[in-house]
Full PDB file with SEQRES, HELIX, SHEET, SSBOND, CRYST1, ORIGX, SCALE, CONECT and MASTER records, all heavy atoms in Angstrom:
SEQRES   1 A   36  MET ASN ARG LEU ASN THR GLU ASP THR ALA VAL TYR TYR          
SEQRES   2 A   36  CYS ALA ALA HIS PRO GLY GLN LEU GLY VAL THR VAL ARG          
SEQRES   3 A   36  ARG LEU GLY TYR ALA TYR ASP TYR TRP GLY                      
HELIX    1 AA1 THR A    6  ASP A    8  5                                   3    
HELIX    2 AA2 GLY A   29  ALA A   31  5                                   3    
SHEET    1 AA1 2 ALA A  15  ALA A  16  0                                        
SHEET    2 AA1 2 TYR A  34  TRP A  35 -1                                        
CRYST1    1.000    1.000    1.000  90.00  90.00  90.00 P 1           1          
ORIGX1      1.000000  0.000000  0.000000        0.00000                         
ORIGX2      0.000000  1.000000  0.000000        0.00000                         
ORIGX3      0.000000  0.000000  1.000000        0.00000                         
SCALE1      1.000000  0.000000  0.000000        0.00000                         
SCALE2      0.000000  1.000000  0.000000        0.00000                         
SCALE3      0.000000  0.000000  1.000000        0.00000                         
ATOM      1  N   MET A   1     193.557  99.144  85.855  1.00  0.00           N  
ATOM      2  CA  MET A   1     193.033  99.439  87.170  1.00  0.00           C  
ATOM      3  C   MET A   1     194.111 100.069  88.021  1.00  0.00           C  
ATOM      4  O   MET A   1     195.139  99.530  88.316  1.00  0.00           O  
ATOM      5  CB  MET A   1     192.565  98.063  87.853  1.00  0.00           C  
ATOM      6  CG  MET A   1     191.768  97.214  86.963  1.00  0.00           C  
ATOM      7  SD  MET A   1     191.131  95.689  87.668  1.00  0.00           S  
ATOM      8  CE  MET A   1     192.644  94.889  87.953  1.00  0.00           C  
ATOM      9  N   ASN A   2     193.714 101.303  88.364  1.00  0.00           N  
ATOM     10  CA  ASN A   2     194.687 102.093  89.269  1.00  0.00           C  
ATOM     11  C   ASN A   2     194.116 102.329  90.618  1.00  0.00           C  
ATOM     12  O   ASN A   2     192.892 102.091  90.818  1.00  0.00           O  
ATOM     13  CB  ASN A   2     194.983 103.368  88.566  1.00  0.00           C  
ATOM     14  CG  ASN A   2     195.654 103.268  87.197  1.00  0.00           C  
ATOM     15  OD1 ASN A   2     196.384 102.392  87.036  1.00  0.00           O  
ATOM     16  ND2 ASN A   2     195.392 104.132  86.375  1.00  0.00           N  
ATOM     17  N   ARG A   3     194.927 102.707  91.592  1.00  0.00           N  
ATOM     18  CA  ARG A   3     194.469 102.998  92.870  1.00  0.00           C  
ATOM     19  C   ARG A   3     193.543 101.905  93.480  1.00  0.00           C  
ATOM     20  O   ARG A   3     192.476 102.136  93.947  1.00  0.00           O  
ATOM     21  CB  ARG A   3     193.716 104.363  92.959  1.00  0.00           C  
ATOM     22  CG  ARG A   3     194.596 105.484  92.461  1.00  0.00           C  
ATOM     23  CD  ARG A   3     194.136 106.911  92.859  1.00  0.00           C  
ATOM     24  NE  ARG A   3     192.733 107.087  92.769  1.00  0.00           N  
ATOM     25  CZ  ARG A   3     192.034 107.563  91.659  1.00  0.00           C  
ATOM     26  NH1 ARG A   3     192.780 107.747  90.612  1.00  0.00           N  
ATOM     27  NH2 ARG A   3     190.831 107.789  91.666  1.00  0.00           N  
ATOM     28  N   LEU A   4     194.040 100.693  93.304  1.00  0.00           N  
ATOM     29  CA  LEU A   4     193.244  99.539  93.797  1.00  0.00           C  
ATOM     30  C   LEU A   4     193.050  99.569  95.271  1.00  0.00           C  
ATOM     31  O   LEU A   4     193.978 100.040  95.997  1.00  0.00           O  
ATOM     32  CB  LEU A   4     193.865  98.261  93.296  1.00  0.00           C  
ATOM     33  CG  LEU A   4     193.811  97.929  91.850  1.00  0.00           C  
ATOM     34  CD1 LEU A   4     194.851  96.969  91.410  1.00  0.00           C  
ATOM     35  CD2 LEU A   4     192.344  97.431  91.522  1.00  0.00           C  
ATOM     36  N   ASN A   5     191.948  99.000  95.722  1.00  0.00           N  
ATOM     37  CA  ASN A   5     191.726  98.910  97.138  1.00  0.00           C  
ATOM     38  C   ASN A   5     191.129  97.495  97.384  1.00  0.00           C  
ATOM     39  O   ASN A   5     190.950  96.760  96.463  1.00  0.00           O  
ATOM     40  CB  ASN A   5     190.732  99.926  97.651  1.00  0.00           C  
ATOM     41  CG  ASN A   5     189.324  99.942  96.987  1.00  0.00           C  
ATOM     42  OD1 ASN A   5     188.659  98.964  97.008  1.00  0.00           O  
ATOM     43  ND2 ASN A   5     189.024 101.021  96.265  1.00  0.00           N  
ATOM     44  N   THR A   6     191.117  97.148  98.675  1.00  0.00           N  
ATOM     45  CA  THR A   6     190.732  95.860  99.060  1.00  0.00           C  
ATOM     46  C   THR A   6     189.389  95.354  98.511  1.00  0.00           C  
ATOM     47  O   THR A   6     189.056  94.172  98.268  1.00  0.00           O  
ATOM     48  CB  THR A   6     190.772  95.589 100.477  1.00  0.00           C  
ATOM     49  OG1 THR A   6     189.965  96.536 101.158  1.00  0.00           O  
ATOM     50  CG2 THR A   6     192.285  95.717 101.140  1.00  0.00           C  
ATOM     51  N   GLU A   7     188.515  96.341  98.364  1.00  0.00           N  
ATOM     52  CA  GLU A   7     187.149  96.045  97.739  1.00  0.00           C  
ATOM     53  C   GLU A   7     187.258  95.643  96.310  1.00  0.00           C  
ATOM     54  O   GLU A   7     186.161  95.143  95.782  1.00  0.00           O  
ATOM     55  CB  GLU A   7     186.191  97.165  98.034  1.00  0.00           C  
ATOM     56  CG  GLU A   7     185.935  97.438  99.543  1.00  0.00           C  
ATOM     57  CD  GLU A   7     185.007  98.544  99.784  1.00  0.00           C  
ATOM     58  OE1 GLU A   7     184.716  99.288  98.801  1.00  0.00           O  
ATOM     59  OE2 GLU A   7     184.509  98.761 100.879  1.00  0.00           O  
ATOM     60  N   ASP A   8     188.267  95.820  95.679  1.00  0.00           N  
ATOM     61  CA  ASP A   8     188.361  95.482  94.283  1.00  0.00           C  
ATOM     62  C   ASP A   8     188.759  93.955  94.117  1.00  0.00           C  
ATOM     63  O   ASP A   8     188.895  93.400  92.985  1.00  0.00           O  
ATOM     64  CB  ASP A   8     189.429  96.351  93.530  1.00  0.00           C  
ATOM     65  CG  ASP A   8     189.041  97.746  93.466  1.00  0.00           C  
ATOM     66  OD1 ASP A   8     187.880  98.100  93.282  1.00  0.00           O  
ATOM     67  OD2 ASP A   8     189.888  98.634  93.699  1.00  0.00           O  
ATOM     68  N   THR A   9     189.025  93.343  95.234  1.00  0.00           N  
ATOM     69  CA  THR A   9     189.449  91.964  95.168  1.00  0.00           C  
ATOM     70  C   THR A   9     188.248  91.047  94.736  1.00  0.00           C  
ATOM     71  O   THR A   9     187.164  91.199  95.241  1.00  0.00           O  
ATOM     72  CB  THR A   9     189.869  91.420  96.584  1.00  0.00           C  
ATOM     73  OG1 THR A   9     191.056  92.038  97.011  1.00  0.00           O  
ATOM     74  CG2 THR A   9     190.036  89.899  96.549  1.00  0.00           C  
ATOM     75  N   ALA A  10     188.642  90.220  93.611  1.00  0.00           N  
ATOM     76  CA  ALA A  10     187.455  89.507  92.999  1.00  0.00           C  
ATOM     77  C   ALA A  10     188.048  88.702  91.826  1.00  0.00           C  
ATOM     78  O   ALA A  10     189.139  89.017  91.433  1.00  0.00           O  
ATOM     79  CB  ALA A  10     186.414  90.483  92.397  1.00  0.00           C  
ATOM     80  N   VAL A  11     187.298  87.853  91.258  1.00  0.00           N  
ATOM     81  CA  VAL A  11     187.628  87.172  90.038  1.00  0.00           C  
ATOM     82  C   VAL A  11     186.946  88.126  88.931  1.00  0.00           C  
ATOM     83  O   VAL A  11     185.785  88.502  88.994  1.00  0.00           O  
ATOM     84  CB  VAL A  11     187.050  85.700  89.874  1.00  0.00           C  
ATOM     85  CG1 VAL A  11     187.332  85.221  88.411  1.00  0.00           C  
ATOM     86  CG2 VAL A  11     187.593  84.915  90.946  1.00  0.00           C  
ATOM     87  N   TYR A  12     187.798  88.510  87.905  1.00  0.00           N  
ATOM     88  CA  TYR A  12     187.369  89.441  86.943  1.00  0.00           C  
ATOM     89  C   TYR A  12     187.190  88.743  85.591  1.00  0.00           C  
ATOM     90  O   TYR A  12     188.006  87.774  85.243  1.00  0.00           O  
ATOM     91  CB  TYR A  12     188.318  90.521  86.700  1.00  0.00           C  
ATOM     92  CG  TYR A  12     188.356  91.576  87.762  1.00  0.00           C  
ATOM     93  CD1 TYR A  12     188.782  91.290  89.042  1.00  0.00           C  
ATOM     94  CD2 TYR A  12     187.838  92.792  87.508  1.00  0.00           C  
ATOM     95  CE1 TYR A  12     188.735  92.298  90.022  1.00  0.00           C  
ATOM     96  CE2 TYR A  12     187.871  93.832  88.464  1.00  0.00           C  
ATOM     97  CZ  TYR A  12     188.307  93.615  89.714  1.00  0.00           C  
ATOM     98  OH  TYR A  12     188.179  94.533  90.687  1.00  0.00           O  
ATOM     99  N   TYR A  13     186.028  88.857  85.000  1.00  0.00           N  
ATOM    100  CA  TYR A  13     185.639  88.239  83.779  1.00  0.00           C  
ATOM    101  C   TYR A  13     185.344  89.248  82.673  1.00  0.00           C  
ATOM    102  O   TYR A  13     184.809  90.279  82.895  1.00  0.00           O  
ATOM    103  CB  TYR A  13     184.330  87.447  84.038  1.00  0.00           C  
ATOM    104  CG  TYR A  13     184.370  86.398  85.046  1.00  0.00           C  
ATOM    105  CD1 TYR A  13     183.979  86.632  86.366  1.00  0.00           C  
ATOM    106  CD2 TYR A  13     184.653  85.066  84.676  1.00  0.00           C  
ATOM    107  CE1 TYR A  13     183.904  85.697  87.402  1.00  0.00           C  
ATOM    108  CE2 TYR A  13     184.660  84.070  85.759  1.00  0.00           C  
ATOM    109  CZ  TYR A  13     184.381  84.419  87.030  1.00  0.00           C  
ATOM    110  OH  TYR A  13     184.357  83.475  88.035  1.00  0.00           O  
ATOM    111  N   CYS A  14     185.799  88.879  81.490  1.00  0.00           N  
ATOM    112  CA  CYS A  14     185.320  89.575  80.304  1.00  0.00           C  
ATOM    113  C   CYS A  14     184.257  88.928  79.654  1.00  0.00           C  
ATOM    114  O   CYS A  14     184.074  87.619  79.790  1.00  0.00           O  
ATOM    115  CB  CYS A  14     186.561  89.833  79.308  1.00  0.00           C  
ATOM    116  SG  CYS A  14     187.208  88.515  78.395  1.00  0.00           S  
ATOM    117  N   ALA A  15     183.508  89.574  78.961  1.00  0.00           N  
ATOM    118  CA  ALA A  15     182.242  89.051  78.295  1.00  0.00           C  
ATOM    119  C   ALA A  15     182.099  89.742  76.970  1.00  0.00           C  
ATOM    120  O   ALA A  15     182.544  90.917  76.729  1.00  0.00           O  
ATOM    121  CB  ALA A  15     181.088  89.201  79.142  1.00  0.00           C  
ATOM    122  N   ALA A  16     181.371  89.103  76.016  1.00  0.00           N  
ATOM    123  CA  ALA A  16     181.201  89.588  74.705  1.00  0.00           C  
ATOM    124  C   ALA A  16     179.771  89.350  74.213  1.00  0.00           C  
ATOM    125  O   ALA A  16     179.190  88.361  74.531  1.00  0.00           O  
ATOM    126  CB  ALA A  16     182.191  88.959  73.750  1.00  0.00           C  
ATOM    127  N   HIS A  17     179.260  90.376  73.481  1.00  0.00           N  
ATOM    128  CA  HIS A  17     177.998  90.207  72.790  1.00  0.00           C  
ATOM    129  C   HIS A  17     178.290  90.562  71.279  1.00  0.00           C  
ATOM    130  O   HIS A  17     178.648  91.644  70.953  1.00  0.00           O  
ATOM    131  CB  HIS A  17     176.951  91.121  73.359  1.00  0.00           C  
ATOM    132  CG  HIS A  17     175.768  91.230  72.547  1.00  0.00           C  
ATOM    133  ND1 HIS A  17     174.785  90.093  72.561  1.00  0.00           N  
ATOM    134  CD2 HIS A  17     175.276  92.165  71.657  1.00  0.00           C  
ATOM    135  CE1 HIS A  17     173.818  90.486  71.771  1.00  0.00           C  
ATOM    136  NE2 HIS A  17     174.062  91.675  71.188  1.00  0.00           N  
ATOM    137  N   PRO A  18     178.127  89.600  70.392  1.00  0.00           N  
ATOM    138  CA  PRO A  18     178.326  89.954  68.928  1.00  0.00           C  
ATOM    139  C   PRO A  18     177.155  90.796  68.380  1.00  0.00           C  
ATOM    140  O   PRO A  18     176.125  90.453  68.040  1.00  0.00           O  
ATOM    141  CB  PRO A  18     178.198  88.548  68.235  1.00  0.00           C  
ATOM    142  CG  PRO A  18     178.249  87.626  69.377  1.00  0.00           C  
ATOM    143  CD  PRO A  18     177.751  88.277  70.586  1.00  0.00           C  
ATOM    144  N   GLY A  19     177.404  92.222  68.466  1.00  0.00           N  
ATOM    145  CA  GLY A  19     176.370  93.083  68.119  1.00  0.00           C  
ATOM    146  C   GLY A  19     176.508  94.273  69.188  1.00  0.00           C  
ATOM    147  O   GLY A  19     177.430  94.367  69.939  1.00  0.00           O  
ATOM    148  N   GLN A  20     175.514  95.086  69.156  1.00  0.00           N  
ATOM    149  CA  GLN A  20     175.442  96.242  69.989  1.00  0.00           C  
ATOM    150  C   GLN A  20     174.369  96.116  71.056  1.00  0.00           C  
ATOM    151  O   GLN A  20     173.246  95.756  70.712  1.00  0.00           O  
ATOM    152  CB  GLN A  20     175.256  97.494  69.181  1.00  0.00           C  
ATOM    153  CG  GLN A  20     176.454  97.910  68.176  1.00  0.00           C  
ATOM    154  CD  GLN A  20     176.355  99.280  67.558  1.00  0.00           C  
ATOM    155  OE1 GLN A  20     175.168  99.651  67.248  1.00  0.00           O  
ATOM    156  NE2 GLN A  20     177.329 100.042  67.556  1.00  0.00           N  
ATOM    157  N   LEU A  21     174.736  96.384  72.171  1.00  0.00           N  
ATOM    158  CA  LEU A  21     173.817  96.328  73.368  1.00  0.00           C  
ATOM    159  C   LEU A  21     173.140  97.711  73.598  1.00  0.00           C  
ATOM    160  O   LEU A  21     173.747  98.711  73.405  1.00  0.00           O  
ATOM    161  CB  LEU A  21     174.506  95.845  74.551  1.00  0.00           C  
ATOM    162  CG  LEU A  21     175.078  94.505  74.502  1.00  0.00           C  
ATOM    163  CD1 LEU A  21     175.978  94.157  75.754  1.00  0.00           C  
ATOM    164  CD2 LEU A  21     173.929  93.391  74.565  1.00  0.00           C  
ATOM    165  N   GLY A  22     171.899  97.658  74.000  1.00  0.00           N  
ATOM    166  CA  GLY A  22     171.214  98.926  74.295  1.00  0.00           C  
ATOM    167  C   GLY A  22     171.743  99.380  75.681  1.00  0.00           C  
ATOM    168  O   GLY A  22     172.301  98.609  76.516  1.00  0.00           O  
ATOM    169  N   VAL A  23     171.531 100.681  75.877  1.00  0.00           N  
ATOM    170  CA  VAL A  23     172.036 101.250  77.065  1.00  0.00           C  
ATOM    171  C   VAL A  23     171.318 100.571  78.351  1.00  0.00           C  
ATOM    172  O   VAL A  23     172.077 100.511  79.368  1.00  0.00           O  
ATOM    173  CB  VAL A  23     171.633 102.844  77.075  1.00  0.00           C  
ATOM    174  CG1 VAL A  23     171.868 103.507  78.392  1.00  0.00           C  
ATOM    175  CG2 VAL A  23     172.260 103.561  76.031  1.00  0.00           C  
ATOM    176  N   THR A  24     170.154 100.184  78.347  1.00  0.00           N  
ATOM    177  CA  THR A  24     169.478  99.619  79.446  1.00  0.00           C  
ATOM    178  C   THR A  24     169.949  98.250  79.857  1.00  0.00           C  
ATOM    179  O   THR A  24     169.745  97.765  80.964  1.00  0.00           O  
ATOM    180  CB  THR A  24     168.069  99.485  79.234  1.00  0.00           C  
ATOM    181  OG1 THR A  24     167.726  98.698  78.041  1.00  0.00           O  
ATOM    182  CG2 THR A  24     167.362 100.938  78.991  1.00  0.00           C  
ATOM    183  N   VAL A  25     170.674  97.497  78.963  1.00  0.00           N  
ATOM    184  CA  VAL A  25     171.141  96.099  79.262  1.00  0.00           C  
ATOM    185  C   VAL A  25     172.598  95.952  79.312  1.00  0.00           C  
ATOM    186  O   VAL A  25     173.165  94.994  79.666  1.00  0.00           O  
ATOM    187  CB  VAL A  25     170.518  95.189  78.231  1.00  0.00           C  
ATOM    188  CG1 VAL A  25     169.012  95.139  78.401  1.00  0.00           C  
ATOM    189  CG2 VAL A  25     170.937  95.388  76.769  1.00  0.00           C  
ATOM    190  N   ARG A  26     173.410  97.006  78.863  1.00  0.00           N  
ATOM    191  CA  ARG A  26     174.840  96.704  78.738  1.00  0.00           C  
ATOM    192  C   ARG A  26     175.496  96.447  80.065  1.00  0.00           C  
ATOM    193  O   ARG A  26     176.693  96.015  80.124  1.00  0.00           O  
ATOM    194  CB  ARG A  26     175.573  97.985  78.049  1.00  0.00           C  
ATOM    195  CG  ARG A  26     175.361  99.252  78.828  1.00  0.00           C  
ATOM    196  CD  ARG A  26     176.056 100.431  78.169  1.00  0.00           C  
ATOM    197  NE  ARG A  26     175.733 100.517  76.719  1.00  0.00           N  
ATOM    198  CZ  ARG A  26     175.884 101.663  76.011  1.00  0.00           C  
ATOM    199  NH1 ARG A  26     176.232 102.697  76.674  1.00  0.00           N  
ATOM    200  NH2 ARG A  26     175.676 101.723  74.781  1.00  0.00           N  
ATOM    201  N   ARG A  27     174.913  96.760  81.168  1.00  0.00           N  
ATOM    202  CA  ARG A  27     175.509  96.552  82.526  1.00  0.00           C  
ATOM    203  C   ARG A  27     174.972  95.166  83.081  1.00  0.00           C  
ATOM    204  O   ARG A  27     175.216  94.906  84.259  1.00  0.00           O  
ATOM    205  CB  ARG A  27     175.119  97.576  83.454  1.00  0.00           C  
ATOM    206  CG  ARG A  27     175.737  99.004  83.155  1.00  0.00           C  
ATOM    207  CD  ARG A  27     175.411 100.023  84.062  1.00  0.00           C  
ATOM    208  NE  ARG A  27     176.224 101.267  83.840  1.00  0.00           N  
ATOM    209  CZ  ARG A  27     176.582 102.071  84.837  1.00  0.00           C  
ATOM    210  NH1 ARG A  27     176.357 101.788  86.070  1.00  0.00           N  
ATOM    211  NH2 ARG A  27     177.285 103.141  84.507  1.00  0.00           N  
ATOM    212  N   LEU A  28     174.187  94.454  82.339  1.00  0.00           N  
ATOM    213  CA  LEU A  28     173.603  93.210  82.794  1.00  0.00           C  
ATOM    214  C   LEU A  28     174.265  92.041  82.228  1.00  0.00           C  
ATOM    215  O   LEU A  28     174.397  91.895  80.980  1.00  0.00           O  
ATOM    216  CB  LEU A  28     172.069  93.268  82.507  1.00  0.00           C  
ATOM    217  CG  LEU A  28     171.349  94.413  83.058  1.00  0.00           C  
ATOM    218  CD1 LEU A  28     169.835  94.369  82.496  1.00  0.00           C  
ATOM    219  CD2 LEU A  28     171.354  94.528  84.602  1.00  0.00           C  
ATOM    220  N   GLY A  29     174.700  91.121  83.029  1.00  0.00           N  
ATOM    221  CA  GLY A  29     175.381  89.901  82.639  1.00  0.00           C  
ATOM    222  C   GLY A  29     174.700  89.073  81.611  1.00  0.00           C  
ATOM    223  O   GLY A  29     175.294  88.592  80.679  1.00  0.00           O  
ATOM    224  N   TYR A  30     173.442  89.051  81.833  1.00  0.00           N  
ATOM    225  CA  TYR A  30     172.645  88.091  80.901  1.00  0.00           C  
ATOM    226  C   TYR A  30     172.670  88.507  79.542  1.00  0.00           C  
ATOM    227  O   TYR A  30     172.323  87.785  78.550  1.00  0.00           O  
ATOM    228  CB  TYR A  30     171.254  87.822  81.461  1.00  0.00           C  
ATOM    229  CG  TYR A  30     170.309  89.002  81.334  1.00  0.00           C  
ATOM    230  CD1 TYR A  30     169.807  89.372  80.032  1.00  0.00           C  
ATOM    231  CD2 TYR A  30     169.869  89.789  82.389  1.00  0.00           C  
ATOM    232  CE1 TYR A  30     168.880  90.415  79.956  1.00  0.00           C  
ATOM    233  CE2 TYR A  30     169.035  90.845  82.257  1.00  0.00           C  
ATOM    234  CZ  TYR A  30     168.482  91.142  81.025  1.00  0.00           C  
ATOM    235  OH  TYR A  30     167.663  92.223  80.876  1.00  0.00           O  
ATOM    236  N   ALA A  31     172.973  89.776  79.237  1.00  0.00           N  
ATOM    237  CA  ALA A  31     172.960  90.328  77.901  1.00  0.00           C  
ATOM    238  C   ALA A  31     174.121  89.833  77.060  1.00  0.00           C  
ATOM    239  O   ALA A  31     174.143  89.982  75.777  1.00  0.00           O  
ATOM    240  CB  ALA A  31     172.961  91.855  77.865  1.00  0.00           C  
ATOM    241  N   TYR A  32     175.158  89.213  77.707  1.00  0.00           N  
ATOM    242  CA  TYR A  32     176.389  88.887  77.020  1.00  0.00           C  
ATOM    243  C   TYR A  32     176.279  87.344  76.696  1.00  0.00           C  
ATOM    244  O   TYR A  32     175.752  86.640  77.480  1.00  0.00           O  
ATOM    245  CB  TYR A  32     177.525  89.127  77.882  1.00  0.00           C  
ATOM    246  CG  TYR A  32     177.751  90.765  78.092  1.00  0.00           C  
ATOM    247  CD1 TYR A  32     177.153  91.410  78.977  1.00  0.00           C  
ATOM    248  CD2 TYR A  32     178.760  91.350  77.218  1.00  0.00           C  
ATOM    249  CE1 TYR A  32     177.236  92.793  79.104  1.00  0.00           C  
ATOM    250  CE2 TYR A  32     178.924  92.704  77.350  1.00  0.00           C  
ATOM    251  CZ  TYR A  32     178.123  93.455  78.374  1.00  0.00           C  
ATOM    252  OH  TYR A  32     178.293  94.771  78.503  1.00  0.00           O  
ATOM    253  N   ASP A  33     176.865  86.979  75.555  1.00  0.00           N  
ATOM    254  CA  ASP A  33     176.703  85.628  75.024  1.00  0.00           C  
ATOM    255  C   ASP A  33     177.938  84.789  75.448  1.00  0.00           C  
ATOM    256  O   ASP A  33     177.819  83.548  75.588  1.00  0.00           O  
ATOM    257  CB  ASP A  33     176.646  85.606  73.543  1.00  0.00           C  
ATOM    258  CG  ASP A  33     175.444  86.488  73.064  1.00  0.00           C  
ATOM    259  OD1 ASP A  33     175.529  87.722  72.934  1.00  0.00           O  
ATOM    260  OD2 ASP A  33     174.299  85.894  72.847  1.00  0.00           O  
ATOM    261  N   TYR A  34     179.146  85.476  75.497  1.00  0.00           N  
ATOM    262  CA  TYR A  34     180.362  84.672  75.743  1.00  0.00           C  
ATOM    263  C   TYR A  34     181.060  85.210  76.910  1.00  0.00           C  
ATOM    264  O   TYR A  34     181.151  86.423  77.243  1.00  0.00           O  
ATOM    265  CB  TYR A  34     181.240  84.733  74.546  1.00  0.00           C  
ATOM    266  CG  TYR A  34     180.539  84.415  73.191  1.00  0.00           C  
ATOM    267  CD1 TYR A  34     180.567  85.312  72.052  1.00  0.00           C  
ATOM    268  CD2 TYR A  34     179.855  83.193  73.082  1.00  0.00           C  
ATOM    269  CE1 TYR A  34     179.898  85.026  70.915  1.00  0.00           C  
ATOM    270  CE2 TYR A  34     179.328  82.938  71.784  1.00  0.00           C  
ATOM    271  CZ  TYR A  34     179.326  83.860  70.773  1.00  0.00           C  
ATOM    272  OH  TYR A  34     178.645  83.474  69.660  1.00  0.00           O  
ATOM    273  N   TRP A  35     181.648  84.296  77.617  1.00  0.00           N  
ATOM    274  CA  TRP A  35     182.430  84.688  78.856  1.00  0.00           C  
ATOM    275  C   TRP A  35     183.839  83.956  78.940  1.00  0.00           C  
ATOM    276  O   TRP A  35     183.998  82.859  78.291  1.00  0.00           O  
ATOM    277  CB  TRP A  35     181.647  84.230  80.109  1.00  0.00           C  
ATOM    278  CG  TRP A  35     180.385  85.055  80.261  1.00  0.00           C  
ATOM    279  CD1 TRP A  35     179.115  84.765  79.668  1.00  0.00           C  
ATOM    280  CD2 TRP A  35     180.202  86.215  81.038  1.00  0.00           C  
ATOM    281  NE1 TRP A  35     178.247  85.778  80.068  1.00  0.00           N  
ATOM    282  CE2 TRP A  35     178.829  86.513  80.982  1.00  0.00           C  
ATOM    283  CE3 TRP A  35     181.112  86.802  81.964  1.00  0.00           C  
ATOM    284  CZ2 TRP A  35     178.391  87.686  81.654  1.00  0.00           C  
ATOM    285  CZ3 TRP A  35     180.514  87.950  82.618  1.00  0.00           C  
ATOM    286  CH2 TRP A  35     179.163  88.297  82.526  1.00  0.00           C  
ATOM    287  N   GLY A  36     184.725  84.600  79.551  1.00  0.00           N  
ATOM    288  CA  GLY A  36     186.025  84.067  79.725  1.00  0.00           C  
ATOM    289  C   GLY A  36     186.057  83.295  81.029  1.00  0.00           C  
ATOM    290  O   GLY A  36     184.976  83.157  81.690  1.00  0.00           O  
TER     291      GLY A  36                                                      
MASTER        0    0    0    2    2    0    0    6  290    1    0    3          
END                                                                             
Protein backbone atom coordinates (compact mmCIF):
# COMPACT_ATOMS: atom_id res chain seq x y z
CA MET A 1 0.00 0.00 0.00
CA ASN A 2 1.58 3.22 -1.22
CA ARG A 3 0.52 6.85 -1.05
CA LEU A 4 -1.74 6.08 1.86
CA ASN A 5 -4.32 8.63 2.91
CA THR A 6 -6.58 8.97 5.92
CA GLU A 7 -9.45 7.31 4.08
CA ASP A 8 -7.42 4.11 3.98
CA THR A 9 -7.66 3.81 7.75
CA ALA A 10 -9.45 0.54 8.50
CA VAL A 11 -9.07 -3.02 9.68
CA TYR A 12 -7.79 -5.02 6.74
CA TYR A 13 -8.81 -8.64 6.28
CA CYS A 14 -7.62 -11.30 3.91
CA ALA A 15 -10.02 -13.92 2.68
CA ALA A 16 -9.79 -17.17 0.75
CA HIS A 17 -11.97 -19.27 -1.49
CA PRO A 18 -10.70 -22.79 -2.30
CA GLY A 19 -11.32 -22.65 -6.01
CA GLN A 20 -11.93 -19.99 -8.61
CA LEU A 21 -14.43 -17.21 -8.23
CA GLY A 22 -16.40 -15.79 -11.07
CA VAL A 23 -15.91 -12.21 -12.12
CA THR A 24 -19.31 -11.22 -10.79
CA VAL A 25 -18.64 -12.39 -7.22
CA ARG A 26 -14.94 -11.95 -6.59
CA ARG A 27 -15.56 -8.51 -5.06
CA LEU A 28 -18.24 -9.82 -2.71
CA GLY A 29 -17.32 -10.89 0.78
CA TYR A 30 -19.89 -13.68 0.98
CA ALA A 31 -18.12 -15.50 -1.85
CA TYR A 32 -15.13 -16.22 0.40
CA ASP A 33 -15.05 -19.15 2.79
CA TYR A 34 -12.21 -18.26 5.13
CA TRP A 35 -11.21 -15.03 6.81
CA GLY A 36 -8.29 -13.80 8.84
